[in-house]
Amino acid sequence: MAAKLFNRVASLRAAAGLTQAELAAQILVSPETIAAIENGRQDATLLTALRMSRALQTQVPNIFREQPFPKLIGSDRGEGSVAKIGGSQR
């Protein structure tokens, strides 16, 4: 069984003042890829996760982890997004 991966890409991206298209351009993926990762429909590759951590100026474990992230006050997006490790969810 594949492990579930929680992410907070959307909230970190918004906090950085980036649109999905801007983040995508910085890390060399499509805006659709960013949307799919944010919504838990697609896994981030290791390379994408590393590029994302650099663009968002944080470490990968601050973006992706196996346990849910605590809800941020005033945030209703990104904190509970789930993706599966070990297989594509396309």
N, C-alpha and C. Protein backbone atom coordinates (compact mmCIF):
# COMPACT_ATOMS: atom_id res chain seq x y z
N MET A 1 0.84 -1.17 0.00
CA MET A 1 0.00 0.00 0.00
C MET A 1 0.89 1.24 0.00
N ALA A 2 0.58 2.19 -0.85
CA ALA A 2 1.35 3.43 -0.95
C ALA A 2 1.01 4.35 0.22
N ALA A 3 2.03 5.01 0.73
CA ALA A 3 1.84 5.96 1.83
C ALA A 3 1.22 7.23 1.31
N LYS A 4 0.42 7.88 2.16
CA LYS A 4 -0.16 9.16 1.80
C LYS A 4 0.81 10.27 2.16
N LEU A 5 0.88 11.27 1.32
CA LEU A 5 1.77 12.39 1.53
C LEU A 5 0.94 13.67 1.59
N PHE A 6 1.06 14.40 2.68
CA PHE A 6 0.36 15.66 2.83
C PHE A 6 1.28 16.77 2.34
N ASN A 7 0.69 17.83 1.78
CA ASN A 7 1.52 18.94 1.33
C ASN A 7 0.85 20.26 1.64
N ARG A 8 1.67 21.29 1.69
CA ARG A 8 1.14 22.64 1.86
C ARG A 8 1.75 23.57 0.82
N VAL A 9 1.79 23.07 -0.39
CA VAL A 9 2.34 23.84 -1.50
C VAL A 9 1.52 25.11 -1.71
N ALA A 10 0.20 25.01 -1.74
CA ALA A 10 -0.64 26.16 -2.03
C ALA A 10 -0.43 27.29 -1.03
N SER A 11 -0.40 26.96 0.25
CA SER A 11 -0.26 28.02 1.26
C SER A 11 1.14 28.62 1.24
N LEU A 12 2.16 27.80 1.03
CA LEU A 12 3.53 28.33 0.96
C LEU A 12 3.73 29.18 -0.30
N ARG A 13 3.14 28.74 -1.39
CA ARG A 13 3.23 29.49 -2.64
C ARG A 13 2.55 30.85 -2.48
N ALA A 14 1.36 30.85 -1.90
CA ALA A 14 0.63 32.10 -1.70
C ALA A 14 1.40 33.03 -0.76
N ALA A 15 1.98 32.46 0.30
CA ALA A 15 2.75 33.27 1.25
C ALA A 15 3.98 33.89 0.58
N ALA A 16 4.50 33.21 -0.42
CA ALA A 16 5.66 33.73 -1.17
C ALA A 16 5.23 34.74 -2.23
N GLY A 17 3.92 34.92 -2.38
CA GLY A 17 3.41 35.87 -3.36
C GLY A 17 3.51 35.38 -4.79
N LEU A 18 3.49 34.06 -4.98
CA LEU A 18 3.62 33.48 -6.31
C LEU A 18 2.30 32.89 -6.79
N THR A 19 2.03 33.03 -8.07
CA THR A 19 0.91 32.31 -8.68
C THR A 19 1.39 30.91 -9.04
N GLN A 20 0.45 30.05 -9.38
CA GLN A 20 0.84 28.71 -9.83
C GLN A 20 1.73 28.81 -11.06
N ALA A 21 1.41 29.71 -11.97
CA ALA A 21 2.20 29.87 -13.19
C ALA A 21 3.61 30.37 -12.89
N GLU A 22 3.75 31.28 -11.94
CA GLU A 22 5.07 31.80 -11.58
C GLU A 22 5.93 30.72 -10.93
N LEU A 23 5.34 29.97 -9.99
CA LEU A 23 6.09 28.88 -9.37
C LEU A 23 6.48 27.84 -10.42
N ALA A 24 5.54 27.50 -11.28
CA ALA A 24 5.81 26.52 -12.33
C ALA A 24 6.98 26.95 -13.20
N ALA A 25 7.01 28.22 -13.59
CA ALA A 25 8.09 28.72 -14.44
C ALA A 25 9.44 28.63 -13.72
N GLN A 26 9.44 28.92 -12.43
CA GLN A 26 10.69 28.87 -11.67
C GLN A 26 11.24 27.46 -11.54
N ILE A 27 10.35 26.45 -11.45
CA ILE A 27 10.82 25.09 -11.22
C ILE A 27 10.71 24.19 -12.46
N LEU A 28 10.39 24.82 -13.59
CA LEU A 28 10.40 24.14 -14.89
C LEU A 28 9.36 23.03 -15.03
N VAL A 29 8.16 23.29 -14.53
CA VAL A 29 7.03 22.39 -14.75
C VAL A 29 5.86 23.23 -15.25
N SER A 30 4.77 22.59 -15.60
CA SER A 30 3.59 23.33 -16.08
C SER A 30 2.75 23.80 -14.89
N PRO A 31 1.95 24.86 -15.10
CA PRO A 31 1.02 25.28 -14.05
C PRO A 31 0.03 24.17 -13.67
N GLU A 32 -0.30 23.33 -14.65
CA GLU A 32 -1.20 22.20 -14.37
C GLU A 32 -0.55 21.21 -13.41
N THR A 33 0.76 21.05 -13.52
CA THR A 33 1.48 20.17 -12.58
C THR A 33 1.41 20.73 -11.17
N ILE A 34 1.60 22.03 -11.03
CA ILE A 34 1.51 22.66 -9.71
C ILE A 34 0.11 22.45 -9.14
N ALA A 35 -0.91 22.68 -9.94
CA ALA A 35 -2.30 22.50 -9.48
C ALA A 35 -2.55 21.05 -9.06
N ALA A 36 -2.05 20.11 -9.84
CA ALA A 36 -2.26 18.69 -9.52
C ALA A 36 -1.54 18.30 -8.23
N ILE A 37 -0.34 18.82 -8.01
CA ILE A 37 0.39 18.53 -6.77
C ILE A 37 -0.34 19.16 -5.59
N GLU A 38 -0.73 20.42 -5.73
CA GLU A 38 -1.44 21.11 -4.65
C GLU A 38 -2.71 20.37 -4.24
N ASN A 39 -3.41 19.81 -5.21
CA ASN A 39 -4.67 19.13 -4.94
C ASN A 39 -4.52 17.64 -4.65
N GLY A 40 -3.28 17.15 -4.60
CA GLY A 40 -3.05 15.76 -4.27
C GLY A 40 -3.37 14.77 -5.37
N ARG A 41 -3.50 15.26 -6.60
CA ARG A 41 -3.79 14.37 -7.72
C ARG A 41 -2.54 13.81 -8.37
N GLN A 42 -1.39 14.38 -8.05
CA GLN A 42 -0.12 13.96 -8.65
C GLN A 42 0.98 14.06 -7.62
N ASP A 43 1.92 13.14 -7.69
CA ASP A 43 3.10 13.18 -6.84
C ASP A 43 4.11 14.17 -7.40
N ALA A 44 4.83 14.81 -6.51
CA ALA A 44 5.98 15.61 -6.94
C ALA A 44 7.16 14.66 -7.06
N THR A 45 7.90 14.78 -8.13
CA THR A 45 9.14 14.00 -8.23
C THR A 45 10.14 14.58 -7.24
N LEU A 46 11.19 13.84 -6.98
CA LEU A 46 12.23 14.34 -6.08
C LEU A 46 12.82 15.64 -6.62
N LEU A 47 13.10 15.68 -7.90
CA LEU A 47 13.67 16.88 -8.50
C LEU A 47 12.71 18.06 -8.37
N THR A 48 11.44 17.83 -8.62
CA THR A 48 10.44 18.89 -8.48
C THR A 48 10.35 19.36 -7.03
N ALA A 49 10.37 18.43 -6.09
CA ALA A 49 10.31 18.80 -4.67
C ALA A 49 11.53 19.63 -4.27
N LEU A 50 12.70 19.26 -4.75
CA LEU A 50 13.91 20.01 -4.44
C LEU A 50 13.87 21.41 -5.05
N ARG A 51 13.44 21.50 -6.30
CA ARG A 51 13.32 22.81 -6.94
C ARG A 51 12.27 23.67 -6.24
N MET A 52 11.19 23.02 -5.83
CA MET A 52 10.12 23.73 -5.13
C MET A 52 10.63 24.28 -3.80
N SER A 53 11.42 23.48 -3.09
CA SER A 53 11.93 23.93 -1.80
C SER A 53 12.85 25.15 -1.98
N ARG A 54 13.61 25.15 -3.04
CA ARG A 54 14.48 26.30 -3.31
C ARG A 54 13.64 27.53 -3.66
N ALA A 55 12.64 27.37 -4.52
CA ALA A 55 11.80 28.50 -4.93
C ALA A 55 11.00 29.06 -3.76
N LEU A 56 10.57 28.19 -2.85
CA LEU A 56 9.76 28.62 -1.71
C LEU A 56 10.62 28.93 -0.49
N GLN A 57 11.93 28.80 -0.65
CA GLN A 57 12.90 29.10 0.40
C GLN A 57 12.61 28.37 1.72
N THR A 58 12.41 27.07 1.58
CA THR A 58 12.20 26.21 2.74
C THR A 58 12.72 24.82 2.41
N GLN A 59 12.70 23.94 3.38
CA GLN A 59 13.16 22.57 3.16
C GLN A 59 12.00 21.67 2.75
N VAL A 60 12.31 20.62 2.04
CA VAL A 60 11.28 19.69 1.56
C VAL A 60 10.35 19.20 2.68
N PRO A 61 10.87 18.84 3.88
CA PRO A 61 9.94 18.39 4.93
C PRO A 61 8.97 19.46 5.41
N ASN A 62 9.22 20.72 5.09
CA ASN A 62 8.27 21.77 5.41
C ASN A 62 7.17 21.89 4.35
N ILE A 63 7.36 21.21 3.24
CA ILE A 63 6.38 21.23 2.15
C ILE A 63 5.59 19.93 2.11
N PHE A 64 6.28 18.80 2.25
CA PHE A 64 5.68 17.48 2.14
C PHE A 64 5.99 16.66 3.39
N ARG A 65 5.00 15.93 3.90
CA ARG A 65 5.27 14.98 4.98
C ARG A 65 4.14 13.98 5.09
N GLU A 66 4.38 12.93 5.87
CA GLU A 66 3.41 11.83 5.99
C GLU A 66 2.27 12.13 6.95
N GLN A 67 2.47 13.07 7.87
CA GLN A 67 1.42 13.45 8.81
C GLN A 67 0.80 14.77 8.38
N PRO A 68 -0.47 14.99 8.69
CA PRO A 68 -1.09 16.26 8.31
C PRO A 68 -0.37 17.45 8.96
N PHE A 69 -0.33 18.53 8.25
CA PHE A 69 0.19 19.77 8.80
C PHE A 69 -0.89 20.41 9.66
N PRO A 70 -0.51 21.11 10.72
CA PRO A 70 -1.53 21.81 11.50
C PRO A 70 -2.14 22.91 10.65
N LYS A 71 -3.42 23.16 10.87
CA LYS A 71 -4.10 24.23 10.14
C LYS A 71 -3.53 25.57 10.53
N LEU A 72 -3.32 26.42 9.55
CA LEU A 72 -2.87 27.77 9.81
C LEU A 72 -4.09 28.66 9.99
N ILE A 73 -4.02 29.58 10.88
CA ILE A 73 -5.14 30.49 11.11
C ILE A 73 -5.44 31.24 9.82
N GLY A 74 -6.70 31.22 9.43
CA GLY A 74 -7.12 31.92 8.22
C GLY A 74 -6.83 31.18 6.93
N SER A 75 -6.35 29.95 7.02
CA SER A 75 -6.02 29.19 5.82
C SER A 75 -7.00 28.04 5.66
N ASP A 76 -7.51 27.91 4.45
CA ASP A 76 -8.39 26.78 4.19
C ASP A 76 -7.95 26.01 2.95
N ARG A 77 -6.75 26.33 2.43
CA ARG A 77 -6.25 25.63 1.24
C ARG A 77 -4.87 25.08 1.47
N GLY A 78 -4.62 23.92 0.91
CA GLY A 78 -3.27 23.39 0.87
C GLY A 78 -2.83 22.58 2.06
N GLU A 79 -3.35 22.86 3.23
CA GLU A 79 -2.85 22.20 4.42
C GLU A 79 -3.22 20.72 4.46
N GLY A 80 -4.35 20.35 3.92
CA GLY A 80 -4.77 18.96 4.00
C GLY A 80 -4.66 18.21 2.70
N SER A 81 -4.01 18.77 1.70
CA SER A 81 -3.90 18.09 0.42
C SER A 81 -3.12 16.80 0.58
N VAL A 82 -3.59 15.77 -0.07
CA VAL A 82 -2.98 14.45 0.07
C VAL A 82 -2.57 13.94 -1.31
N ALA A 83 -1.39 13.38 -1.39
CA ALA A 83 -0.91 12.69 -2.58
C ALA A 83 -0.38 11.35 -2.14
N LYS A 84 -0.25 10.42 -3.05
CA LYS A 84 0.31 9.12 -2.69
C LYS A 84 1.74 9.03 -3.16
N ILE A 85 2.58 8.44 -2.31
CA ILE A 85 3.98 8.16 -2.66
C ILE A 85 4.02 6.79 -3.28
N GLY A 86 4.83 6.64 -4.27
CA GLY A 86 5.03 5.30 -4.81
C GLY A 86 4.15 5.00 -6.00
N GLY A 87 3.47 5.99 -6.49
CA GLY A 87 2.66 5.76 -7.67
C GLY A 87 2.01 7.02 -8.11
N SER A 88 1.80 7.13 -9.36
CA SER A 88 1.21 8.34 -9.92
C SER A 88 -0.28 8.33 -9.70
N GLN A 89 -0.85 9.50 -9.49
CA GLN A 89 -2.30 9.61 -9.36
C GLN A 89 -2.83 10.46 -10.48
N ARG A 90 -2.66 10.08 -11.66
CA ARG A 90 -3.12 10.87 -12.81
C ARG A 90 -4.47 10.42 -13.24
